[in-house]
């Protein structure tokens, strides 16, 4: 049955259900000269972070069409995002995979009203069926990977859908890939790619981070399957533990960053599977400051991570209310963690709402349960603003 993460606006329909760094940003909606217009495509902005609306008119729905805050395009509940080398943004939107071009125009790439499982051709009228969507990642050649229905599926540039890994059984098993292989997942969600084509999966229900090689073979990178918080060695029997990992991103050195949502931390996994706490002291609050497990920085339900070429990590805080059982400051912010683990607020004043404008902790920009983020090579951060039913951009 669908699982809601406590007070999070991100409704992970996991039982039906960033590398998040792009290459070229040709045609993206950005300009870094002075002045403000609030335009969603082009225009001028104040120096410093400024938030605009790329697509979605705020009406909840599934309409394809033009972008911008007043365009015809509608989203039902955008969650996970990934951007390709041409500046197209892929968005998982409940039962559909949507694509937003650099001008904000929205089309449906795969999925529709009918749920199910079948490989085949993509497109709204194709033969391929999906049990909803969760995570998405895009390779340099344009191949799109999605997590859907306890499987990792692959959509090639010609529009053909195949199953890379996961036999559809809800379980916890490493092994061979393909639709009939031995590998099993338990509500896989966020996914990311490294430079050699390995897919990393936040296996939410198994409390593990899994690795799928290009042939579909699955291994456990980190997480011993116990729900908890512990840094340490990786592998299926290591010391490291997670508490509902929902999103992953990979840097240029192959380190994997994890939004460990109910531990209120961002974790980092090296190539050997060893896990450390990159930022977040475990308090359910939105506090800037120093990183590491004993630093002053804190996150309020970190739901998404993305990493840029300089090693900065971007984190979306999706909480739209205090944490249950504790004080907890409202999230609804986009945070930035530098390579040393120091945390600042890039955009979002903490109010639950919708407003474009200047970023920063005291700026005018507001979000409503921002789910997952992606970042392009110019530092533009794309936000699936889940309960605003919009795609937002934080311009540097």
Protein backbone atom coordinates (compact mmCIF):
# COMPACT_ATOMS: atom_id res chain seq x y z
CA UNK A 1 0.00 0.00 0.00
CA UNK A 2 1.18 3.57 -0.45
CA UNK A 3 3.49 4.88 2.22
CA UNK A 4 3.51 8.46 3.40
CA UNK A 5 6.67 9.66 5.10
CA UNK A 6 5.14 11.15 8.25
CA UNK A 7 4.68 14.90 7.79
CA UNK A 8 6.48 15.00 4.47
CA UNK A 9 4.65 16.43 1.51
CA UNK A 10 6.41 13.79 -0.63
CA UNK A 11 3.88 10.98 -0.93
CA UNK A 12 6.02 8.02 -1.92
CA UNK A 13 3.65 5.58 -3.57
CA UNK A 14 6.43 3.08 -3.16
CA UNK A 15 4.54 -0.14 -3.69
CA UNK A 16 3.29 1.31 -6.96
CA UNK A 17 5.63 3.36 -7.61
CA UNK A 18 20.50 12.80 -9.01
CA UNK A 19 23.52 11.26 -11.31
CA UNK A 20 21.67 14.51 -10.65
CA UNK A 21 24.27 16.60 -12.44
CA UNK A 22 23.83 17.69 -16.04
CA UNK A 23 26.33 18.50 -18.71
CA UNK A 24 25.41 21.28 -21.16
CA UNK A 25 22.91 23.90 -20.09
CA UNK A 26 22.29 25.24 -23.55
CA UNK A 27 18.96 27.01 -23.69
CA UNK A 28 18.29 26.95 -19.96
CA UNK A 29 16.29 29.77 -18.43
CA UNK A 30 18.98 31.79 -16.73
CA UNK A 31 20.67 35.16 -16.82
CA UNK A 32 23.02 36.56 -14.24
CA UNK A 33 22.82 40.28 -14.87
CA UNK A 34 21.38 42.79 -12.46
CA UNK A 35 17.74 43.65 -11.91
CA UNK A 36 14.66 41.51 -11.24
CA UNK A 37 11.74 40.46 -13.36
CA UNK A 38 10.55 37.17 -11.87
CA UNK A 39 10.43 35.74 -15.38
CA UNK A 40 10.42 31.96 -15.68
CA UNK A 41 12.30 31.87 -18.98
CA UNK A 42 15.01 34.37 -19.60
CA UNK A 43 14.82 37.73 -17.88
CA UNK A 44 17.20 39.32 -15.42
CA UNK A 45 17.82 38.63 -11.79
CA UNK A 46 19.40 40.17 -8.75
CA UNK A 47 22.90 39.08 -7.86
CA UNK A 48 22.63 36.05 -5.61
CA UNK A 49 20.09 33.22 -5.62
CA UNK A 50 16.79 34.03 -7.31
CA UNK A 51 13.85 31.65 -7.73
CA UNK A 52 11.61 31.42 -10.81
CA UNK A 53 8.93 29.04 -12.05
CA UNK A 54 9.95 26.97 -15.06
CA UNK A 55 6.72 24.99 -15.53
CA UNK A 56 3.39 24.34 -13.87
CA UNK A 57 0.54 26.81 -13.41
CA UNK A 58 -0.28 25.58 -9.91
CA UNK A 59 -3.33 23.54 -10.90
CA UNK A 60 -3.05 19.88 -9.95
CA UNK A 61 -3.37 17.77 -13.08
CA UNK A 62 -1.58 15.97 -15.91
CA UNK A 63 -1.81 18.45 -18.78
CA UNK A 64 1.09 18.74 -21.19
CA UNK A 65 1.68 22.17 -22.69
CA UNK A 66 3.50 25.44 -22.31
CA UNK A 67 5.58 26.32 -19.29
CA UNK A 68 5.99 29.31 -17.04
CA UNK A 69 3.78 30.25 -14.08
CA UNK A 70 0.87 31.08 -16.38
CA UNK A 71 1.34 28.34 -18.99
CA UNK A 72 -1.01 25.47 -19.72
CA UNK A 73 1.15 22.65 -18.27
CA UNK A 74 -0.03 20.99 -15.08
CA UNK A 75 1.57 18.51 -12.66
CA UNK A 76 -0.19 16.15 -10.28
CA UNK A 77 2.65 15.80 -7.76
CA UNK A 78 6.17 16.16 -9.16
CA UNK A 79 8.77 14.34 -7.09
CA UNK A 80 12.08 13.14 -8.58
CA UNK A 81 14.04 14.95 -11.28
CA UNK A 82 17.08 14.50 -13.52
CA UNK A 83 18.52 16.74 -16.21
CA UNK A 84 20.16 15.69 -19.48
CA UNK A 85 23.00 17.25 -21.45
CA UNK A 86 20.60 19.29 -23.60
CA UNK A 87 18.93 20.90 -20.59
CA UNK A 88 15.78 18.78 -20.65
CA UNK A 89 14.46 17.98 -17.19
CA UNK A 90 12.80 14.62 -16.54
CA UNK A 91 10.22 14.58 -13.75
CA UNK A 92 8.44 11.66 -12.13
CA UNK A 93 4.82 12.68 -11.64
CA UNK A 94 2.83 9.88 -10.00
CA UNK A 95 1.87 7.59 -12.90
CA UNK A 96 3.75 9.48 -15.59
CA UNK A 97 7.29 10.43 -16.56
CA UNK A 98 7.26 14.00 -17.84
CA UNK A 99 9.89 16.00 -19.74
CA UNK A 100 10.35 19.75 -19.46
CA UNK A 101 12.38 21.39 -22.21
CA UNK A 102 14.62 24.42 -21.52
CA UNK A 103 11.74 26.77 -22.40
CA UNK A 104 9.41 25.08 -19.92
CA UNK A 105 7.27 23.15 -22.40
CA UNK A 106 6.04 19.87 -20.91
CA UNK A 107 5.43 16.52 -22.62
CA UNK A 108 4.71 13.03 -21.29
CA UNK A 109 7.53 10.61 -22.09
CA UNK A 110 6.11 7.42 -20.58
CA UNK A 111 3.22 6.19 -18.51
CA UNK A 112 -0.43 7.09 -18.45
CA UNK A 113 -3.67 6.32 -16.70
CA UNK A 114 -3.15 2.54 -16.80
CA UNK A 115 -0.85 0.99 -14.21
CA UNK A 116 0.94 -2.30 -14.77
CA UNK A 117 4.19 -3.88 -15.83
CA UNK A 118 5.22 -4.49 -19.43
CA UNK A 119 8.36 -3.72 -21.38
CA UNK A 120 7.93 -2.33 -24.86
CA UNK A 121 7.62 1.06 -26.50
CA UNK A 122 7.40 4.25 -24.47
CA UNK A 123 5.21 7.31 -24.95
CA UNK A 124 1.70 7.98 -23.67
CA UNK A 125 0.31 5.53 -26.24
CA UNK A 126 3.14 2.97 -26.12
CA UNK A 127 2.98 -0.67 -25.04
CA UNK A 128 5.22 -0.24 -22.00
CA UNK A 129 3.40 -0.13 -18.66
CA UNK A 130 4.64 1.09 -15.29
CA UNK A 131 3.55 0.59 -11.70
CA UNK A 132 4.02 4.29 -11.15
CA UNK A 133 7.37 6.05 -10.93
CA UNK A 134 9.75 7.06 -8.18
CA UNK A 135 13.40 7.89 -9.02
CA UNK A 136 14.86 8.95 -12.37
CA UNK A 137 18.37 9.44 -13.76
CA UNK A 138 19.69 10.23 -17.26
CA UNK A 139 22.90 8.91 -18.85
CA UNK A 140 25.14 10.93 -21.16
CA UNK A 141 23.76 9.08 -24.20
CA UNK A 142 20.19 10.06 -23.31
CA UNK A 143 19.14 6.73 -21.79
CA UNK A 144 16.67 7.34 -18.97
CA UNK A 145 16.59 5.06 -15.93
CA UNK A 146 13.61 4.91 -13.57
CA UNK A 147 12.69 2.99 -10.44
CA UNK A 148 9.21 1.55 -10.71
CA UNK A 149 7.42 -1.33 -9.06
CA UNK A 150 10.41 -2.96 -7.34
CA UNK A 151 12.33 -2.78 -10.59
CA UNK A 152 14.89 -0.57 -12.31
CA UNK A 153 13.71 0.10 -15.86
CA UNK A 154 15.59 1.60 -18.78
CA UNK A 155 14.23 3.81 -21.58
CA UNK A 156 16.66 4.05 -24.48
CA UNK A 157 16.87 7.06 -26.85
CA UNK A 158 14.80 5.18 -29.46
CA UNK A 159 11.89 4.85 -27.04
CA UNK A 160 12.27 1.19 -26.06
CA UNK A 161 11.68 0.19 -22.44
CA UNK A 162 13.45 -2.79 -20.86
CA UNK A 163 13.98 -4.06 -17.33
CA UNK A 164 17.56 -3.68 -16.12
CA UNK A 165 17.14 -5.29 -12.69
CA UNK A 166 14.49 -6.55 -10.32
CA UNK A 167 12.15 -9.47 -10.85
CA UNK A 168 9.22 -7.57 -9.36
CA UNK A 169 9.14 -9.50 -6.09
CA UNK A 170 9.27 -7.27 -3.04
CA UNK A 171 12.30 -8.59 -1.21
CA UNK A 172 15.96 -8.17 -0.40
CA UNK A 173 18.27 -10.15 -2.65
CA UNK A 174 21.44 -9.38 -4.52
CA UNK A 175 21.98 -11.26 -7.74
CA UNK A 176 21.51 -11.23 -11.47
CA UNK A 177 19.48 -8.60 -13.23
CA UNK A 178 16.84 -8.64 -15.92
CA UNK A 179 13.14 -9.31 -15.48
CA UNK A 180 13.72 -12.95 -14.52
CA UNK A 181 16.93 -12.55 -12.51
CA UNK A 182 17.47 -13.18 -8.83
CA UNK A 183 17.79 -9.57 -7.70
CA UNK A 184 15.00 -8.13 -5.58
CA UNK A 185 14.21 -4.66 -4.21
CA UNK A 186 11.86 -3.35 -1.56
CA UNK A 187 10.38 -0.04 -2.70
CA UNK A 188 13.42 1.38 -4.52
CA UNK A 189 13.22 5.12 -4.92
CA UNK A 190 15.97 7.65 -5.71
CA UNK A 191 18.55 6.54 -8.28
CA UNK A 192 21.77 8.04 -9.65
CA UNK A 193 24.43 7.15 -12.23
CA UNK A 194 28.20 7.23 -12.10
CA UNK A 195 30.55 7.89 -14.99
CA UNK A 196 30.87 4.20 -15.91
CA UNK A 197 27.15 3.46 -16.07
CA UNK A 198 26.56 1.95 -12.63
CA UNK A 199 23.15 2.76 -11.14
CA UNK A 200 22.93 3.48 -7.41
CA UNK A 201 19.57 2.89 -5.77
CA UNK A 202 18.13 4.15 -2.50
CA UNK A 203 16.39 0.90 -1.57
CA UNK A 204 14.01 2.58 0.84
CA UNK A 205 12.27 -0.45 2.30
CA UNK A 206 15.46 -2.46 2.76
CA UNK A 207 17.40 0.40 4.42
CA UNK A 208 20.21 -0.17 1.94
CA UNK A 209 22.02 1.48 -0.93
CA UNK A 210 22.26 -0.95 -3.83
CA UNK A 211 24.50 -0.87 -6.90
CA UNK A 212 23.40 -2.13 -10.31
CA UNK A 213 26.15 -2.63 -12.87
CA UNK A 214 25.55 -2.00 -16.59
CA UNK A 215 24.65 -5.68 -17.09
CA UNK A 216 21.99 -5.50 -14.36
CA UNK A 217 23.83 -7.42 -11.65
CA UNK A 218 22.90 -6.12 -8.20
CA UNK A 219 25.06 -5.85 -5.07
CA UNK A 220 24.63 -4.06 -1.76
CA UNK A 221 26.99 -1.10 -1.45
CA UNK A 222 26.06 -0.11 2.11
CA UNK A 223 23.45 -0.74 4.77
CA UNK A 224 23.07 -3.92 6.80
CA UNK A 225 19.29 -3.84 6.57
CA UNK A 226 18.79 -2.70 10.17
CA UNK A 227 16.81 0.52 10.56
CA UNK A 228 18.99 2.92 12.53
CA UNK A 229 21.88 5.33 12.45
CA UNK A 230 25.46 4.12 12.33
CA UNK A 231 28.47 5.14 10.30
CA UNK A 232 30.98 2.45 9.46
CA UNK A 233 31.77 -0.28 6.98
CA UNK A 234 29.55 -0.98 4.03
CA UNK A 235 28.34 -4.13 2.35
CA UNK A 236 25.31 -6.22 3.31
CA UNK A 237 26.86 -7.28 6.62
CA UNK A 238 28.74 -4.08 7.51
CA UNK A 239 28.19 -1.75 10.43
CA UNK A 240 26.53 1.10 8.52
CA UNK A 241 22.81 1.72 9.00
CA UNK A 242 20.22 4.01 7.42
CA UNK A 243 16.71 5.10 8.34
CA UNK A 244 14.62 5.41 5.17
CA UNK A 245 17.13 6.58 2.53
CA UNK A 246 15.12 8.25 -0.23
CA UNK A 247 17.55 9.98 -2.60
CA UNK A 248 21.11 9.51 -3.86
CA UNK A 249 23.63 11.47 -5.95
CA UNK A 250 27.15 10.66 -7.17
CA UNK A 251 30.12 13.01 -7.43
CA UNK A 252 32.98 12.92 -9.92
CA UNK A 253 35.08 10.74 -7.62
CA UNK A 254 32.42 8.10 -7.26
CA UNK A 255 31.29 9.06 -3.76
CA UNK A 256 27.58 8.51 -3.18
CA UNK A 257 25.56 11.03 -1.16
CA UNK A 258 22.38 9.90 0.55
CA UNK A 259 19.40 11.86 1.86
CA UNK A 260 18.83 9.81 5.02
CA UNK A 261 15.46 11.28 5.76
CA UNK A 262 14.53 10.06 9.26
CA UNK A 263 18.09 10.35 10.50
CA UNK A 264 17.90 14.04 9.43
CA UNK A 265 21.35 13.74 7.88
CA UNK A 266 23.24 13.63 4.60
CA UNK A 267 25.50 10.59 4.50
CA UNK A 268 28.46 9.90 2.22
CA UNK A 269 29.59 6.50 0.95
CA UNK A 270 33.03 6.02 -0.55
CA UNK A 271 33.77 3.56 -3.34
CA UNK A 272 34.57 0.84 -0.81
CA UNK A 273 31.16 1.23 0.81
CA UNK A 274 32.37 2.96 3.98
CA UNK A 275 29.75 5.39 5.33
CA UNK A 276 30.33 8.70 7.11
CA UNK A 277 28.04 11.57 8.06
CA UNK A 278 28.67 14.47 5.71
CA UNK A 279 26.32 16.97 7.33
CA UNK A 280 23.52 17.08 9.88
CA UNK A 281 23.70 16.50 13.61
CA UNK A 282 20.47 14.51 13.75
CA UNK A 283 18.24 17.27 15.10
CA UNK A 284 14.99 17.70 13.12
CA UNK A 285 15.48 21.41 12.45
CA UNK A 286 16.67 23.75 9.70
CA UNK A 287 19.90 25.28 11.00
CA UNK A 288 22.88 26.52 9.01
CA UNK A 289 26.39 25.90 10.30
CA UNK A 290 29.21 23.42 10.36
CA UNK A 291 28.84 19.90 9.05
CA UNK A 292 29.74 16.46 10.29
CA UNK A 293 27.95 14.33 12.90
CA UNK A 294 28.76 16.78 15.70
CA UNK A 295 28.44 20.05 13.78
CA UNK A 296 25.89 22.78 14.29
CA UNK A 297 24.06 22.25 10.97
CA UNK A 298 20.72 20.48 11.05
CA UNK A 299 18.15 19.40 8.45
CA UNK A 300 14.39 19.15 8.66
CA UNK A 301 13.53 16.00 6.66
CA UNK A 302 16.15 16.06 3.88
CA UNK A 303 14.38 14.48 0.92
CA UNK A 304 16.66 15.11 -2.05
CA UNK A 305 20.35 15.45 -2.84
CA UNK A 306 22.30 16.57 -5.90
CA UNK A 307 25.99 17.35 -6.34
CA UNK A 308 27.75 19.74 -8.71
CA UNK A 309 31.15 19.50 -10.36
CA UNK A 310 32.84 21.45 -7.57
CA UNK A 311 31.63 19.05 -4.89
CA UNK A 312 28.85 21.23 -3.49
CA UNK A 313 25.86 19.19 -2.38
CA UNK A 314 22.32 20.58 -2.68
CA UNK A 315 19.65 19.34 -0.31
CA UNK A 316 15.89 19.84 -0.39
CA UNK A 317 14.05 20.00 2.93
CA UNK A 318 10.54 18.87 2.32
CA UNK A 319 8.97 19.10 5.74
CA UNK A 320 5.86 21.25 5.87
CA UNK A 321 5.54 21.22 9.62
CA UNK A 322 7.36 20.47 12.89
CA UNK A 323 8.77 16.99 13.36
CA UNK A 324 6.50 14.63 15.28
CA UNK A 325 7.48 14.33 18.93
CA UNK A 326 9.89 17.25 18.89
CA UNK A 327 10.25 20.98 18.25
CA UNK A 328 11.63 21.08 14.69
CA UNK A 329 11.63 24.22 12.57
CA UNK A 330 9.74 24.10 9.29
CA UNK A 331 11.82 23.15 6.27
CA UNK A 332 10.62 24.14 2.78
CA UNK A 333 14.14 25.22 1.92
CA UNK A 334 16.95 24.38 -0.49
CA UNK A 335 20.25 24.07 1.35
CA UNK A 336 23.81 23.99 0.04
CA UNK A 337 26.64 22.02 1.65
CA UNK A 338 30.19 22.93 0.63
CA UNK A 339 32.87 20.24 0.19
CA UNK A 340 33.89 20.69 3.85
CA UNK A 341 30.36 20.03 5.07
CA UNK A 342 29.42 23.61 5.97
CA UNK A 343 25.72 24.28 5.36
CA UNK A 344 23.97 27.45 4.17
CA UNK A 345 20.45 28.17 2.95
CA UNK A 346 20.29 28.77 -0.79
CA UNK A 347 16.56 29.54 -1.07
CA UNK A 348 13.35 29.35 0.91
CA UNK A 349 12.37 31.42 3.94
CA UNK A 350 10.74 28.45 5.64
CA UNK A 351 7.15 29.51 5.03
CA UNK A 352 4.96 26.89 3.40
CA UNK A 353 3.77 28.60 0.24
CA UNK A 354 4.52 29.60 -3.32
CA UNK A 355 6.47 32.71 -4.17
CA UNK A 356 9.20 33.43 -6.68
CA UNK A 357 11.84 36.01 -5.82
CA UNK A 358 15.14 36.45 -4.00
CA UNK A 359 16.53 33.40 -2.25
CA UNK A 360 18.33 32.97 1.03
CA UNK A 361 16.92 32.33 4.48
CA UNK A 362 15.28 35.77 4.68
CA UNK A 363 14.38 36.17 1.00
CA UNK A 364 10.91 36.27 -0.51
CA UNK A 365 11.05 32.84 -2.21
CA UNK A 366 8.76 30.18 -0.76
CA UNK A 367 8.29 26.47 -1.45
CA UNK A 368 5.60 23.95 -0.59
CA UNK A 369 7.16 20.57 0.18
CA UNK A 370 10.09 20.69 -2.28
CA UNK A 371 10.81 17.04 -3.07
CA UNK A 372 14.02 16.44 -5.01
CA UNK A 373 16.60 18.67 -6.67
CA UNK A 374 18.91 18.50 -9.69
CA UNK A 375 21.75 20.87 -10.58
CA UNK A 376 23.22 21.75 -13.98
CA UNK A 377 26.79 22.70 -14.83
CA UNK A 378 26.01 26.42 -14.44
CA UNK A 379 24.79 25.93 -10.89
CA UNK A 380 21.07 26.30 -11.61
CA UNK A 381 19.14 24.13 -9.17
CA UNK A 382 15.88 22.57 -10.38
CA UNK A 383 13.29 21.84 -7.72
CA UNK A 384 10.25 19.58 -7.90
CA UNK A 385 8.00 21.75 -5.72
CA UNK A 386 5.68 18.91 -4.95
CA UNK A 387 2.65 20.53 -3.36
CA UNK A 388 2.89 23.70 -5.41
CA UNK A 389 2.55 21.43 -8.47
CA UNK A 390 5.37 23.30 -10.17
CA UNK A 391 8.97 23.01 -11.29
CA UNK A 392 11.06 25.82 -9.85
CA UNK A 393 14.61 26.99 -10.64
CA UNK A 394 17.05 28.53 -8.17
CA UNK A 395 19.46 30.64 -10.23
CA UNK A 396 22.87 31.21 -8.63
